[in-house]
Each structure stands twice: as C-alpha cells, then as structure tokens.
Amino acid sequence: MNSRNSSSQQNDDLSLLKRALEQCGVEIRSENCIGPGGLARIKQKRVLFLNPDTSISEKIGVCIDALRRCDTESIHISPHVRRLLGEEEWNEPD
C-alpha cells in the first residue's frame, strides 16, 4: 500500500473512531495540550481532547483507548472499528 492510500485509510479510521465516540456520548475537542490528548470527565460530560499537533496515528491511538473505556454494546460499530479495538472475534449479527 502506498503512503497516499495509507494516509487516506488513517483519515477514514480516525473519522470512524470519532463517530463511534460521539455515539457513546463523548464530546471531542481539538485543543493544544501536553501529549497527544485523552479522555476526561468535566462535570457530567465525557470529553476527549485531541492535540492537533500530534500525528494522525497518535490521534487514532488516543481514540482507540477512549473507545475501549466506553460501553459500545448498545450502539452499532462497524466490524472494521471493532477490529481496530482488538475485538477480532466479534462477529456482526446476521
């Protein structure tokens, strides 16, 4: 796979992960912070901070870590995103 396709795939993966986090009720903010970012609770809201200066692969890692901390059983998440989360044994219902 060439780097253009790889970069495009990473952008797609990041978008899918962000969408899944939003379905879980997580607000996503792009903010300058120390490190790549992370999940926080502000009052009763869960907020994911993503540092815009970090690489896309780091942002994907932050999103995966945050999504693993969410209850994803009640929302639809594509098999591809479940594989990103390491849920290879998960099978999509018929």
N, C-alpha and C. Protein backbone atom coordinates (compact mmCIF):
# COMPACT_ATOMS: atom_id res chain seq x y z
N MET A 1 0.85 -1.18 0.00
CA MET A 1 0.00 0.00 0.00
C MET A 1 0.89 1.23 0.00
N ASN A 2 0.61 2.19 -0.85
CA ASN A 2 1.45 3.38 -0.87
C ASN A 2 1.03 4.33 0.25
N SER A 3 1.90 5.34 0.50
CA SER A 3 1.65 6.22 1.64
C SER A 3 0.38 7.05 1.46
N ARG A 4 0.03 7.36 0.23
CA ARG A 4 -1.20 8.14 -0.01
C ARG A 4 -2.42 7.32 0.42
N ASN A 5 -2.47 6.04 0.04
CA ASN A 5 -3.58 5.19 0.45
C ASN A 5 -3.56 4.98 1.96
N SER A 6 -2.37 4.81 2.53
CA SER A 6 -2.25 4.60 3.96
C SER A 6 -2.75 5.83 4.72
N SER A 7 -2.37 7.01 4.25
CA SER A 7 -2.81 8.25 4.88
C SER A 7 -4.33 8.41 4.77
N SER A 8 -4.85 8.08 3.61
CA SER A 8 -6.30 8.14 3.41
C SER A 8 -7.02 7.17 4.33
N GLN A 9 -6.48 5.96 4.48
CA GLN A 9 -7.08 4.96 5.36
C GLN A 9 -7.03 5.43 6.81
N GLN A 10 -5.91 6.04 7.21
CA GLN A 10 -5.81 6.55 8.58
C GLN A 10 -6.84 7.64 8.83
N ASN A 11 -7.03 8.53 7.85
CA ASN A 11 -8.05 9.58 8.00
C ASN A 11 -9.44 8.96 8.13
N ASP A 12 -9.72 7.94 7.32
CA ASP A 12 -11.01 7.25 7.41
C ASP A 12 -11.17 6.58 8.77
N ASP A 13 -10.11 5.91 9.25
CA ASP A 13 -10.17 5.25 10.55
C ASP A 13 -10.44 6.26 11.66
N LEU A 14 -9.74 7.40 11.61
CA LEU A 14 -9.94 8.43 12.63
C LEU A 14 -11.38 8.94 12.62
N SER A 15 -11.92 9.16 11.44
CA SER A 15 -13.32 9.63 11.33
C SER A 15 -14.29 8.60 11.90
N LEU A 16 -14.08 7.32 11.59
CA LEU A 16 -14.95 6.27 12.11
C LEU A 16 -14.87 6.17 13.63
N LEU A 17 -13.67 6.28 14.16
CA LEU A 17 -13.49 6.22 15.61
C LEU A 17 -14.16 7.42 16.30
N LYS A 18 -14.00 8.60 15.73
CA LYS A 18 -14.64 9.79 16.30
C LYS A 18 -16.16 9.65 16.28
N ARG A 19 -16.69 9.14 15.18
CA ARG A 19 -18.14 8.95 15.07
C ARG A 19 -18.63 7.98 16.15
N ALA A 20 -17.90 6.89 16.37
CA ALA A 20 -18.28 5.92 17.40
C ALA A 20 -18.23 6.55 18.78
N LEU A 21 -17.21 7.36 19.04
CA LEU A 21 -17.11 8.04 20.34
C LEU A 21 -18.29 8.99 20.55
N GLU A 22 -18.65 9.72 19.51
CA GLU A 22 -19.79 10.63 19.61
C GLU A 22 -21.08 9.85 19.87
N GLN A 23 -21.23 8.66 19.26
CA GLN A 23 -22.40 7.82 19.52
C GLN A 23 -22.44 7.40 20.99
N CYS A 24 -21.28 7.29 21.60
CA CYS A 24 -21.19 6.93 23.02
C CYS A 24 -21.38 8.14 23.94
N GLY A 25 -21.62 9.30 23.35
CA GLY A 25 -21.86 10.49 24.15
C GLY A 25 -20.61 11.27 24.52
N VAL A 26 -19.50 10.99 23.86
CA VAL A 26 -18.25 11.69 24.14
C VAL A 26 -18.14 12.92 23.25
N GLU A 27 -17.88 14.05 23.86
CA GLU A 27 -17.62 15.28 23.10
C GLU A 27 -16.15 15.27 22.72
N ILE A 28 -15.84 15.62 21.48
CA ILE A 28 -14.45 15.62 21.01
C ILE A 28 -14.01 17.05 20.78
N ARG A 29 -12.88 17.40 21.39
CA ARG A 29 -12.34 18.75 21.26
C ARG A 29 -10.90 18.68 20.74
N SER A 30 -10.59 19.54 19.81
CA SER A 30 -9.23 19.70 19.34
C SER A 30 -8.62 20.85 20.12
N GLU A 31 -7.67 20.54 21.01
CA GLU A 31 -7.09 21.55 21.90
C GLU A 31 -5.61 21.30 22.04
N ASN A 32 -4.85 22.37 22.12
CA ASN A 32 -3.43 22.23 22.42
C ASN A 32 -3.30 21.76 23.86
N CYS A 33 -2.59 20.68 24.04
CA CYS A 33 -2.39 20.12 25.37
C CYS A 33 -1.05 19.40 25.39
N ILE A 34 -0.62 19.03 26.57
CA ILE A 34 0.62 18.28 26.70
C ILE A 34 0.32 16.83 26.31
N GLY A 35 1.09 16.29 25.39
CA GLY A 35 0.85 14.94 24.92
C GLY A 35 -0.21 14.92 23.83
N PRO A 36 -0.55 13.71 23.40
CA PRO A 36 -1.50 13.58 22.28
C PRO A 36 -2.95 13.84 22.67
N GLY A 37 -3.27 13.80 23.96
CA GLY A 37 -4.63 14.03 24.41
C GLY A 37 -5.13 12.89 25.25
N GLY A 38 -6.43 12.89 25.52
CA GLY A 38 -7.01 11.83 26.32
C GLY A 38 -8.42 12.13 26.73
N LEU A 39 -9.03 11.14 27.37
CA LEU A 39 -10.42 11.22 27.81
C LEU A 39 -10.48 11.83 29.21
N ALA A 40 -11.41 12.74 29.40
CA ALA A 40 -11.59 13.39 30.71
C ALA A 40 -13.08 13.50 31.00
N ARG A 41 -13.39 13.66 32.27
CA ARG A 41 -14.77 13.92 32.68
C ARG A 41 -14.81 15.35 33.20
N ILE A 42 -15.68 16.15 32.60
CA ILE A 42 -15.88 17.52 33.04
C ILE A 42 -17.32 17.63 33.49
N LYS A 43 -17.50 17.79 34.80
CA LYS A 43 -18.82 17.70 35.42
C LYS A 43 -19.41 16.35 35.05
N GLN A 44 -20.50 16.30 34.34
CA GLN A 44 -21.12 15.01 33.99
C GLN A 44 -20.86 14.61 32.54
N LYS A 45 -19.99 15.36 31.84
CA LYS A 45 -19.73 15.08 30.43
C LYS A 45 -18.37 14.41 30.25
N ARG A 46 -18.31 13.45 29.33
CA ARG A 46 -17.04 12.87 28.93
C ARG A 46 -16.54 13.64 27.72
N VAL A 47 -15.29 14.08 27.80
CA VAL A 47 -14.69 14.89 26.74
C VAL A 47 -13.37 14.25 26.34
N LEU A 48 -13.17 14.10 25.04
CA LEU A 48 -11.90 13.61 24.52
C LEU A 48 -11.16 14.79 23.93
N PHE A 49 -9.98 15.04 24.49
CA PHE A 49 -9.12 16.09 23.98
C PHE A 49 -8.12 15.48 23.01
N LEU A 50 -8.02 16.05 21.82
CA LEU A 50 -7.05 15.63 20.82
C LEU A 50 -6.15 16.81 20.49
N ASN A 51 -4.85 16.63 20.66
CA ASN A 51 -3.89 17.67 20.35
C ASN A 51 -3.73 17.75 18.84
N PRO A 52 -4.03 18.90 18.24
CA PRO A 52 -3.93 19.00 16.77
C PRO A 52 -2.50 18.87 16.25
N ASP A 53 -1.52 19.03 17.12
CA ASP A 53 -0.12 18.96 16.69
C ASP A 53 0.45 17.54 16.69
N THR A 54 -0.32 16.56 17.11
CA THR A 54 0.18 15.19 17.13
C THR A 54 -0.14 14.50 15.80
N SER A 55 0.54 13.40 15.55
CA SER A 55 0.34 12.67 14.30
C SER A 55 -1.02 12.00 14.28
N ILE A 56 -1.47 11.68 13.09
CA ILE A 56 -2.76 11.02 12.96
C ILE A 56 -2.75 9.65 13.64
N SER A 57 -1.62 8.96 13.58
CA SER A 57 -1.56 7.65 14.23
C SER A 57 -1.68 7.79 15.75
N GLU A 58 -1.13 8.86 16.32
CA GLU A 58 -1.28 9.09 17.76
C GLU A 58 -2.74 9.42 18.09
N LYS A 59 -3.39 10.20 17.24
CA LYS A 59 -4.81 10.53 17.47
C LYS A 59 -5.66 9.26 17.41
N ILE A 60 -5.34 8.38 16.47
CA ILE A 60 -6.06 7.11 16.37
C ILE A 60 -5.88 6.32 17.66
N GLY A 61 -4.65 6.27 18.16
CA GLY A 61 -4.38 5.56 19.41
C GLY A 61 -5.16 6.13 20.59
N VAL A 62 -5.24 7.45 20.68
CA VAL A 62 -6.00 8.10 21.75
C VAL A 62 -7.48 7.75 21.63
N CYS A 63 -8.00 7.77 20.40
CA CYS A 63 -9.42 7.44 20.18
C CYS A 63 -9.70 5.98 20.52
N ILE A 64 -8.80 5.08 20.15
CA ILE A 64 -8.99 3.66 20.47
C ILE A 64 -9.00 3.46 21.98
N ASP A 65 -8.05 4.08 22.68
CA ASP A 65 -8.01 3.97 24.15
C ASP A 65 -9.30 4.49 24.77
N ALA A 66 -9.78 5.62 24.28
CA ALA A 66 -11.02 6.20 24.82
C ALA A 66 -12.22 5.31 24.53
N LEU A 67 -12.30 4.79 23.31
CA LEU A 67 -13.46 3.97 22.93
C LEU A 67 -13.49 2.65 23.71
N ARG A 68 -12.32 2.13 24.04
CA ARG A 68 -12.26 0.91 24.86
C ARG A 68 -12.83 1.14 26.26
N ARG A 69 -12.87 2.38 26.70
CA ARG A 69 -13.39 2.72 28.02
C ARG A 69 -14.90 3.03 27.99
N CYS A 70 -15.49 2.96 26.81
CA CYS A 70 -16.92 3.25 26.64
C CYS A 70 -17.71 1.95 26.52
N ASP A 71 -18.97 2.02 26.88
CA ASP A 71 -19.88 0.89 26.67
C ASP A 71 -20.35 0.94 25.22
N THR A 72 -19.84 0.03 24.42
CA THR A 72 -20.17 0.04 22.99
C THR A 72 -21.20 -1.02 22.62
N GLU A 73 -21.70 -1.74 23.59
CA GLU A 73 -22.64 -2.82 23.29
C GLU A 73 -23.98 -2.33 22.76
N SER A 74 -24.39 -1.12 23.15
CA SER A 74 -25.72 -0.65 22.77
C SER A 74 -25.72 0.20 21.49
N ILE A 75 -24.56 0.37 20.86
CA ILE A 75 -24.50 1.15 19.63
C ILE A 75 -23.93 0.29 18.51
N HIS A 76 -24.23 0.68 17.27
CA HIS A 76 -23.66 -0.04 16.13
C HIS A 76 -22.27 0.50 15.85
N ILE A 77 -21.31 -0.40 15.85
CA ILE A 77 -19.94 -0.07 15.47
C ILE A 77 -19.55 -1.05 14.37
N SER A 78 -19.01 -0.53 13.31
CA SER A 78 -18.66 -1.38 12.16
C SER A 78 -17.64 -2.45 12.57
N PRO A 79 -17.65 -3.57 11.86
CA PRO A 79 -16.65 -4.61 12.12
C PRO A 79 -15.22 -4.08 12.00
N HIS A 80 -14.98 -3.16 11.08
CA HIS A 80 -13.65 -2.59 10.93
C HIS A 80 -13.21 -1.87 12.21
N VAL A 81 -14.09 -1.06 12.79
CA VAL A 81 -13.75 -0.36 14.03
C VAL A 81 -13.57 -1.36 15.17
N ARG A 82 -14.39 -2.40 15.21
CA ARG A 82 -14.22 -3.42 16.25
C ARG A 82 -12.85 -4.10 16.11
N ARG A 83 -12.40 -4.30 14.87
CA ARG A 83 -11.06 -4.86 14.67
C ARG A 83 -9.99 -3.89 15.16
N LEU A 84 -10.19 -2.59 14.92
CA LEU A 84 -9.24 -1.59 15.43
C LEU A 84 -9.17 -1.65 16.95
N LEU A 85 -10.29 -1.97 17.57
CA LEU A 85 -10.35 -2.06 19.03
C LEU A 85 -9.77 -3.37 19.55
N GLY A 86 -9.43 -4.27 18.62
CA GLY A 86 -8.88 -5.55 19.04
C GLY A 86 -9.93 -6.60 19.33
N GLU A 87 -11.13 -6.40 18.80
CA GLU A 87 -12.23 -7.33 19.01
C GLU A 87 -12.37 -8.22 17.78
N GLU A 88 -11.28 -8.87 17.38
CA GLU A 88 -11.28 -9.68 16.16
C GLU A 88 -12.31 -10.79 16.21
N GLU A 89 -12.56 -11.30 17.40
CA GLU A 89 -13.50 -12.43 17.49
C GLU A 89 -14.96 -11.99 17.37
N TRP A 90 -15.20 -10.67 17.36
CA TRP A 90 -16.56 -10.16 17.27
C TRP A 90 -17.09 -10.42 15.87
N ASN A 91 -18.28 -10.98 15.78
CA ASN A 91 -18.94 -11.22 14.50
C ASN A 91 -20.17 -10.36 14.40
N GLU A 92 -20.34 -9.71 13.27
CA GLU A 92 -21.52 -8.87 13.06
C GLU A 92 -22.75 -9.77 12.97
N PRO A 93 -23.84 -9.40 13.68
CA PRO A 93 -25.07 -10.21 13.61
C PRO A 93 -25.60 -10.26 12.18
N ASP A 94 -26.26 -11.36 11.84
CA ASP A 94 -26.84 -11.52 10.50
C ASP A 94 -28.04 -10.63 10.33
